[in-house]
Every structure is written in structure tokens, then in C-alpha cells.
Amino acid sequence: MKKLLLLGLVISSYYNASAQSYYQQDSARLKKTVLGLNILLPGLTYEQSLTDKSSLFLNFAFGFAYEYHSSGFSSYEAYTINPTLLAQYRSYYNLARRQLLDRKTTNNTGSFFGMMAHYTFDAIGGKNTHAIDVENGLTLGPVWGFQRNGLFTFSLSLGLGVTIGEGQSSNVGPIGHLNFGINLSKKKEE
């Protein structure tokens, strides 16, 4: 009788643990909005959840290009300031696992697959801008990435994409986005 009681206790505790595991997986969801300041390339980041596990990430920033050329006869210095706009559809795939392992999911901390579109606008300032070959253009492609958010925010997206530039032929190559900044969103989950 004691063995049957012990077996019943083990089986019921297994089902109880499974139910708790299922509940924890089901409760993992994204925060509605996350706002931040990008430090690497000065700008703003904004992430809006679309579903419990997908979001739209937007980044408006100012990119810089610098060139210094020196030869025996002359030297010059050139730089440009180009506004950029990046949009990513992100589908987070490990929120439930992170929560189950007692890891942070605050402010959409997790790993994702997605699609990225990045557009570089014409230069709005600089010196000798004609000497630097920075053309406005659109880059599209799938990405994999991860994001870690606390007081500071860090995200990295990597993938392979197609660049379509004005006045040049399209080409395929690696695409990526690195973001390091300050989180402006409240830490409390919604």
C-alpha cells in the first residue's frame, strides 16, 4: 500500500510540475512598447509588440563615414552625416525557455528570427562629401539576433541580404545591426 501511495505521489507531482511548466511557457510574452536611446549611432529605438511573441523594431539614427587620404602631393579629409532608418519584424522564439530557466525576459530580452529593412538617406552634412562613396539605398533580408535589456540595452542582428542602391546594381552580402544604448522604458512588465 505504501508503494502505491508513493507511486501516486510521484505521478501527481509530475503532472503538477508539467502544468506549472505549461503555465510558465504560456505566460511568457513581450512588453507592449520599449523605447531607447542608441549610443553607438546617435538615435532613437522603438519596439512595439504585435503579438505575444512578435514585434516591430524601429531605429532612426545618424550614420557617419570618415576618410583621410594622404599622398606625396596632397592630402584631404572627408566625412558625411547620413540619417538611417531601420525596421525589423522580430519573432522571439525562446521567451518561455528563458522564463522556465529563471532568466530575464524583461523589456523583450530574448533571441529572435526576423526580416530587416535598412534605408540610408542622402548626406545632410559633412566636409568634402563628394570624396566619400556613400549612396542612399535599401537593404533587405532575413536576420537572426538577440537582445538584452536592463538599464542599458544591447541588440545584435546578423543575416544575409540584398542591397538595392540608386545608380548601382544590386548585390548580395552580409547585413547586420549592432545597437548599444540606454533603455528609457520602465522595468515593470505589462
C-alpha atoms as a PDB file:
ATOM      1  CA  MET A   1       0.000   0.000   0.000  1.00  0.00           C
ATOM      2  CA  LYS A   2       2.837   2.390   0.854  1.00  0.00           C
ATOM      3  CA  LYS A   3       4.422   1.699  -2.540  1.00  0.00           C
ATOM      4  CA  LEU A   4       1.165   2.525  -4.336  1.00  0.00           C
ATOM      5  CA  LEU A   5       0.810   5.721  -2.317  1.00  0.00           C
ATOM      6  CA  LEU A   6       4.400   6.685  -3.134  1.00  0.00           C
ATOM      7  CA  LEU A   7       3.843   5.903  -6.827  1.00  0.00           C
ATOM      8  CA  GLY A   8       0.661   8.016  -6.819  1.00  0.00           C
ATOM      9  CA  LEU A   9       2.526  10.891  -5.150  1.00  0.00           C
ATOM     10  CA  VAL A  10       5.325  10.738  -7.755  1.00  0.00           C
ATOM     11  CA  ILE A  11       2.862  10.666 -10.664  1.00  0.00           C
ATOM     12  CA  SER A  12       0.769  13.544  -9.304  1.00  0.00           C
ATOM     13  CA  SER A  13       3.867  15.662  -8.648  1.00  0.00           C
ATOM     14  CA  TYR A  14       4.987  15.021 -12.253  1.00  0.00           C
ATOM     15  CA  TYR A  15       1.638  16.246 -13.608  1.00  0.00           C
ATOM     16  CA  ASN A  16       1.720  19.226 -11.257  1.00  0.00           C
ATOM     17  CA  ALA A  17       5.228  20.152 -12.466  1.00  0.00           C
ATOM     18  CA  SER A  18       4.105  19.741 -16.088  1.00  0.00           C
ATOM     19  CA  ALA A  19       1.130  22.031 -15.517  1.00  0.00           C
ATOM     20  CA  GLN A  20       3.359  24.660 -13.896  1.00  0.00           C
ATOM     21  CA  SER A  21       5.816  24.363 -16.782  1.00  0.00           C
ATOM     22  CA  TYR A  22       2.986  24.806 -19.287  1.00  0.00           C
ATOM     23  CA  TYR A  23       1.640  27.817 -17.381  1.00  0.00           C
ATOM     24  CA  GLN A  24       5.086  29.443 -17.285  1.00  0.00           C
ATOM     25  CA  GLN A  25       5.575  28.887 -21.014  1.00  0.00           C
ATOM     26  CA  ASP A  26       2.154  30.309 -21.758  1.00  0.00           C
ATOM     27  CA  SER A  27       2.766  33.412 -19.610  1.00  0.00           C
ATOM     28  CA  ALA A  28       5.968  34.437 -21.449  1.00  0.00           C
ATOM     29  CA  ARG A  29       5.084  37.413 -23.626  1.00  0.00           C
ATOM     30  CA  LEU A  30       6.600  40.612 -24.949  1.00  0.00           C
ATOM     31  CA  LYS A  31       6.239  44.026 -23.376  1.00  0.00           C
ATOM     32  CA  LYS A  32       3.929  46.332 -25.372  1.00  0.00           C
ATOM     33  CA  THR A  33       6.462  49.108 -26.017  1.00  0.00           C
ATOM     34  CA  VAL A  34      10.190  49.518 -25.405  1.00  0.00           C
ATOM     35  CA  LEU A  35      11.890  52.868 -26.026  1.00  0.00           C
ATOM     36  CA  GLY A  36      15.627  53.561 -26.005  1.00  0.00           C
ATOM     37  CA  LEU A  37      18.477  55.870 -26.985  1.00  0.00           C
ATOM     38  CA  ASN A  38      21.196  54.442 -29.216  1.00  0.00           C
ATOM     39  CA  ILE A  39      24.699  55.499 -28.168  1.00  0.00           C
ATOM     40  CA  LEU A  40      26.839  53.942 -30.947  1.00  0.00           C
ATOM     41  CA  LEU A  41      24.992  55.770 -33.712  1.00  0.00           C
ATOM     42  CA  PRO A  42      23.057  58.621 -32.088  1.00  0.00           C
ATOM     43  CA  GLY A  43      19.363  57.947 -32.455  1.00  0.00           C
ATOM     44  CA  LEU A  44      16.141  56.524 -31.052  1.00  0.00           C
ATOM     45  CA  THR A  45      14.912  52.934 -30.914  1.00  0.00           C
ATOM     46  CA  TYR A  46      11.290  51.881 -30.523  1.00  0.00           C
ATOM     47  CA  GLU A  47       9.864  48.371 -30.295  1.00  0.00           C
ATOM     48  CA  GLN A  48       6.118  47.684 -30.453  1.00  0.00           C
ATOM     49  CA  SER A  49       4.741  44.207 -29.758  1.00  0.00           C
ATOM     50  CA  LEU A  50       2.395  42.879 -32.431  1.00  0.00           C
ATOM     51  CA  THR A  51       1.539  39.568 -30.726  1.00  0.00           C
ATOM     52  CA  ASP A  52       2.719  37.793 -27.562  1.00  0.00           C
ATOM     53  CA  LYS A  53       5.901  36.677 -29.349  1.00  0.00           C
ATOM     54  CA  SER A  54       6.455  39.085 -32.276  1.00  0.00           C
ATOM     55  CA  SER A  55       7.294  42.773 -32.557  1.00  0.00           C
ATOM     56  CA  LEU A  56       8.201  45.619 -34.875  1.00  0.00           C
ATOM     57  CA  PHE A  57      11.570  47.224 -34.043  1.00  0.00           C
ATOM     58  CA  LEU A  58      12.360  50.696 -35.447  1.00  0.00           C
ATOM     59  CA  ASN A  59      15.646  52.580 -35.230  1.00  0.00           C
ATOM     60  CA  PHE A  60      16.219  56.111 -36.519  1.00  0.00           C
ATOM     61  CA  ALA A  61      19.875  57.110 -36.261  1.00  0.00           C
ATOM     62  CA  PHE A  62      22.626  59.209 -37.792  1.00  0.00           C
ATOM     63  CA  GLY A  63      25.415  57.310 -39.528  1.00  0.00           C
ATOM     64  CA  PHE A  64      28.907  58.652 -40.083  1.00  0.00           C
ATOM     65  CA  ALA A  65      31.554  57.998 -42.723  1.00  0.00           C
ATOM     66  CA  TYR A  66      35.113  59.324 -42.437  1.00  0.00           C
ATOM     67  CA  GLU A  67      38.034  59.212 -44.848  1.00  0.00           C
ATOM     68  CA  TYR A  68      41.555  60.611 -44.689  1.00  0.00           C
ATOM     69  CA  HIS A  69      43.788  60.426 -47.752  1.00  0.00           C
ATOM     70  CA  SER A  70      47.431  61.379 -47.891  1.00  0.00           C
ATOM     71  CA  SER A  71      49.921  61.073 -50.724  1.00  0.00           C
ATOM     72  CA  GLY A  72      53.228  62.691 -51.531  1.00  0.00           C
ATOM     73  CA  PHE A  73      51.487  65.579 -53.304  1.00  0.00           C
ATOM     74  CA  SER A  74      48.319  66.240 -51.346  1.00  0.00           C
ATOM     75  CA  SER A  75      46.097  65.176 -48.522  1.00  0.00           C
ATOM     76  CA  TYR A  76      42.439  65.614 -47.712  1.00  0.00           C
ATOM     77  CA  GLU A  77      39.930  64.762 -45.055  1.00  0.00           C
ATOM     78  CA  ALA A  78      36.264  63.989 -45.714  1.00  0.00           C
ATOM     79  CA  TYR A  79      33.250  62.968 -43.664  1.00  0.00           C
ATOM     80  CA  THR A  80      29.494  62.689 -44.075  1.00  0.00           C
ATOM     81  CA  ILE A  81      26.488  62.504 -41.766  1.00  0.00           C
ATOM     82  CA  ASN A  82      23.700  60.305 -43.127  1.00  0.00           C
ATOM     83  CA  PRO A  83      20.314  59.672 -41.483  1.00  0.00           C
ATOM     84  CA  THR A  84      19.318  55.997 -41.472  1.00  0.00           C
ATOM     85  CA  LEU A  85      16.060  54.171 -40.799  1.00  0.00           C
ATOM     86  CA  LEU A  86      15.961  50.512 -39.826  1.00  0.00           C
ATOM     87  CA  ALA A  87      12.823  48.372 -39.417  1.00  0.00           C
ATOM     88  CA  GLN A  88      12.784  44.765 -38.244  1.00  0.00           C
ATOM     89  CA  TYR A  89       9.944  42.313 -37.823  1.00  0.00           C
ATOM     90  CA  ARG A  90      11.067  40.082 -34.938  1.00  0.00           C
ATOM     91  CA  SER A  91       9.670  36.704 -33.926  1.00  0.00           C
ATOM     92  CA  TYR A  92      11.031  35.766 -30.483  1.00  0.00           C
ATOM     93  CA  TYR A  93      11.453  32.022 -30.050  1.00  0.00           C
ATOM     94  CA  ASN A  94      12.960  31.440 -26.599  1.00  0.00           C
ATOM     95  CA  LEU A  95      10.976  33.582 -24.150  1.00  0.00           C
ATOM     96  CA  ALA A  96       9.270  30.616 -22.479  1.00  0.00           C
ATOM     97  CA  ARG A  97      12.544  28.704 -22.144  1.00  0.00           C
ATOM     98  CA  ARG A  98      14.284  31.753 -20.650  1.00  0.00           C
ATOM     99  CA  GLN A  99      11.448  32.172 -18.167  1.00  0.00           C
ATOM    100  CA  LEU A 100      11.498  28.458 -17.303  1.00  0.00           C
ATOM    101  CA  LEU A 101      15.250  28.696 -16.567  1.00  0.00           C
ATOM    102  CA  ASP A 102      14.672  31.839 -14.430  1.00  0.00           C
ATOM    103  CA  ARG A 103      16.471  34.093 -16.905  1.00  0.00           C
ATOM    104  CA  LYS A 104      15.392  37.650 -17.630  1.00  0.00           C
ATOM    105  CA  THR A 105      12.733  38.396 -20.224  1.00  0.00           C
ATOM    106  CA  THR A 106      12.307  42.000 -19.065  1.00  0.00           C
ATOM    107  CA  ASN A 107      11.813  44.577 -21.844  1.00  0.00           C
ATOM    108  CA  ASN A 108      11.831  41.903 -24.570  1.00  0.00           C
ATOM    109  CA  THR A 109      15.115  40.231 -23.633  1.00  0.00           C
ATOM    110  CA  GLY A 110      15.434  37.158 -25.854  1.00  0.00           C
ATOM    111  CA  SER A 111      16.507  35.673 -29.186  1.00  0.00           C
ATOM    112  CA  PHE A 112      14.659  36.153 -32.461  1.00  0.00           C
ATOM    113  CA  PHE A 113      14.382  35.460 -36.165  1.00  0.00           C
ATOM    114  CA  GLY A 114      13.098  38.204 -38.413  1.00  0.00           C
ATOM    115  CA  MET A 115      13.189  40.339 -41.527  1.00  0.00           C
ATOM    116  CA  MET A 116      15.189  43.564 -41.749  1.00  0.00           C
ATOM    117  CA  ALA A 117      14.873  46.617 -43.985  1.00  0.00           C
ATOM    118  CA  HIS A 118      17.514  49.348 -43.704  1.00  0.00           C
ATOM    119  CA  TYR A 119      17.495  52.597 -45.668  1.00  0.00           C
ATOM    120  CA  THR A 120      20.344  55.133 -45.811  1.00  0.00           C
ATOM    121  CA  PHE A 121      19.333  58.657 -46.809  1.00  0.00           C
ATOM    122  CA  ASP A 122      21.421  61.298 -48.621  1.00  0.00           C
ATOM    123  CA  ALA A 123      24.052  63.104 -46.556  1.00  0.00           C
ATOM    124  CA  ILE A 124      22.740  66.051 -44.546  1.00  0.00           C
ATOM    125  CA  GLY A 125      26.152  67.418 -43.681  1.00  0.00           C
ATOM    126  CA  GLY A 126      29.856  66.885 -43.819  1.00  0.00           C
ATOM    127  CA  LYS A 127      33.089  68.020 -45.412  1.00  0.00           C
ATOM    128  CA  ASN A 128      34.212  67.034 -48.931  1.00  0.00           C
ATOM    129  CA  THR A 129      31.199  64.722 -49.158  1.00  0.00           C
ATOM    130  CA  HIS A 130      31.862  64.115 -52.868  1.00  0.00           C
ATOM    131  CA  ALA A 131      35.035  62.212 -51.928  1.00  0.00           C
ATOM    132  CA  ILE A 132      33.174  59.542 -49.935  1.00  0.00           C
ATOM    133  CA  ASP A 133      31.128  56.916 -51.740  1.00  0.00           C
ATOM    134  CA  VAL A 134      28.039  56.675 -49.504  1.00  0.00           C
ATOM    135  CA  GLU A 135      24.915  56.306 -51.623  1.00  0.00           C
ATOM    136  CA  ASN A 136      21.401  56.163 -50.350  1.00  0.00           C
ATOM    137  CA  GLY A 137      19.899  52.727 -50.744  1.00  0.00           C
ATOM    138  CA  LEU A 138      17.750  49.984 -49.313  1.00  0.00           C
ATOM    139  CA  THR A 139      18.968  46.714 -47.799  1.00  0.00           C
ATOM    140  CA  LEU A 140      16.532  43.821 -47.245  1.00  0.00           C
ATOM    141  CA  GLY A 141      16.999  40.364 -45.790  1.00  0.00           C
ATOM    142  CA  PRO A 142      16.316  37.752 -43.113  1.00  0.00           C
ATOM    143  CA  VAL A 143      18.158  38.060 -39.791  1.00  0.00           C
ATOM    144  CA  TRP A 144      18.806  36.167 -36.585  1.00  0.00           C
ATOM    145  CA  GLY A 145      19.582  38.098 -33.447  1.00  0.00           C
ATOM    146  CA  PHE A 146      19.368  38.555 -29.728  1.00  0.00           C
ATOM    147  CA  GLN A 147      18.538  41.420 -27.422  1.00  0.00           C
ATOM    148  CA  ARG A 148      19.441  42.015 -23.775  1.00  0.00           C
ATOM    149  CA  ASN A 149      17.724  44.844 -21.924  1.00  0.00           C
ATOM    150  CA  GLY A 150      18.300  46.210 -18.458  1.00  0.00           C
ATOM    151  CA  LEU A 151      19.293  49.790 -17.670  1.00  0.00           C
ATOM    152  CA  PHE A 152      21.432  49.561 -20.795  1.00  0.00           C
ATOM    153  CA  THR A 153      20.217  47.853 -23.937  1.00  0.00           C
ATOM    154  CA  PHE A 154      22.206  45.689 -26.341  1.00  0.00           C
ATOM    155  CA  SER A 155      20.989  44.029 -29.510  1.00  0.00           C
ATOM    156  CA  LEU A 156      22.729  42.339 -32.402  1.00  0.00           C
ATOM    157  CA  SER A 157      21.140  41.204 -35.678  1.00  0.00           C
ATOM    158  CA  LEU A 158      23.006  39.259 -38.359  1.00  0.00           C
ATOM    159  CA  GLY A 159      21.915  37.888 -41.710  1.00  0.00           C
ATOM    160  CA  LEU A 160      22.291  37.800 -45.466  1.00  0.00           C
ATOM    161  CA  GLY A 161      20.563  40.417 -47.580  1.00  0.00           C
ATOM    162  CA  VAL A 162      20.198  42.231 -50.870  1.00  0.00           C
ATOM    163  CA  THR A 163      21.262  45.874 -51.237  1.00  0.00           C
ATOM    164  CA  ILE A 164      19.436  47.985 -53.799  1.00  0.00           C
ATOM    165  CA  GLY A 165      21.191  51.323 -54.287  1.00  0.00           C
ATOM    166  CA  GLU A 166      20.428  54.261 -56.510  1.00  0.00           C
ATOM    167  CA  GLY A 167      22.679  54.321 -59.559  1.00  0.00           C
ATOM    168  CA  GLN A 168      24.316  50.976 -58.819  1.00  0.00           C
ATOM    169  CA  SER A 169      23.495  47.342 -59.396  1.00  0.00           C
ATOM    170  CA  SER A 170      22.017  45.211 -56.650  1.00  0.00           C
ATOM    171  CA  ASN A 171      24.327  42.982 -54.675  1.00  0.00           C
ATOM    172  CA  VAL A 172      24.022  40.243 -52.071  1.00  0.00           C
ATOM    173  CA  GLY A 173      26.074  40.299 -48.909  1.00  0.00           C
ATOM    174  CA  PRO A 174      26.066  40.139 -45.145  1.00  0.00           C
ATOM    175  CA  ILE A 175      23.780  42.501 -43.266  1.00  0.00           C
ATOM    176  CA  GLY A 176      23.793  43.379 -39.612  1.00  0.00           C
ATOM    177  CA  HIS A 177      22.817  45.830 -36.952  1.00  0.00           C
ATOM    178  CA  LEU A 178      24.524  46.492 -33.620  1.00  0.00           C
ATOM    179  CA  ASN A 179      22.783  48.587 -31.011  1.00  0.00           C
ATOM    180  CA  PHE A 180      24.102  49.694 -27.631  1.00  0.00           C
ATOM    181  CA  GLY A 181      22.150  52.280 -25.734  1.00  0.00           C
ATOM    182  CA  ILE A 182      20.147  53.379 -22.737  1.00  0.00           C
ATOM    183  CA  ASN A 183      16.742  51.891 -22.011  1.00  0.00           C
ATOM    184  CA  LEU A 184      14.064  54.559 -21.465  1.00  0.00           C
ATOM    185  CA  SER A 185      11.230  52.100 -20.700  1.00  0.00           C
ATOM    186  CA  LYS A 186      10.114  51.231 -17.204  1.00  0.00           C
ATOM    187  CA  LYS A 187      11.398  47.888 -15.966  1.00  0.00           C
ATOM    188  CA  LYS A 188       7.964  46.662 -14.846  1.00  0.00           C
ATOM    189  CA  GLU A 189       6.408  44.064 -17.151  1.00  0.00           C
ATOM    190  CA  GLU A 190       2.975  44.763 -18.604  1.00  0.00           C
END
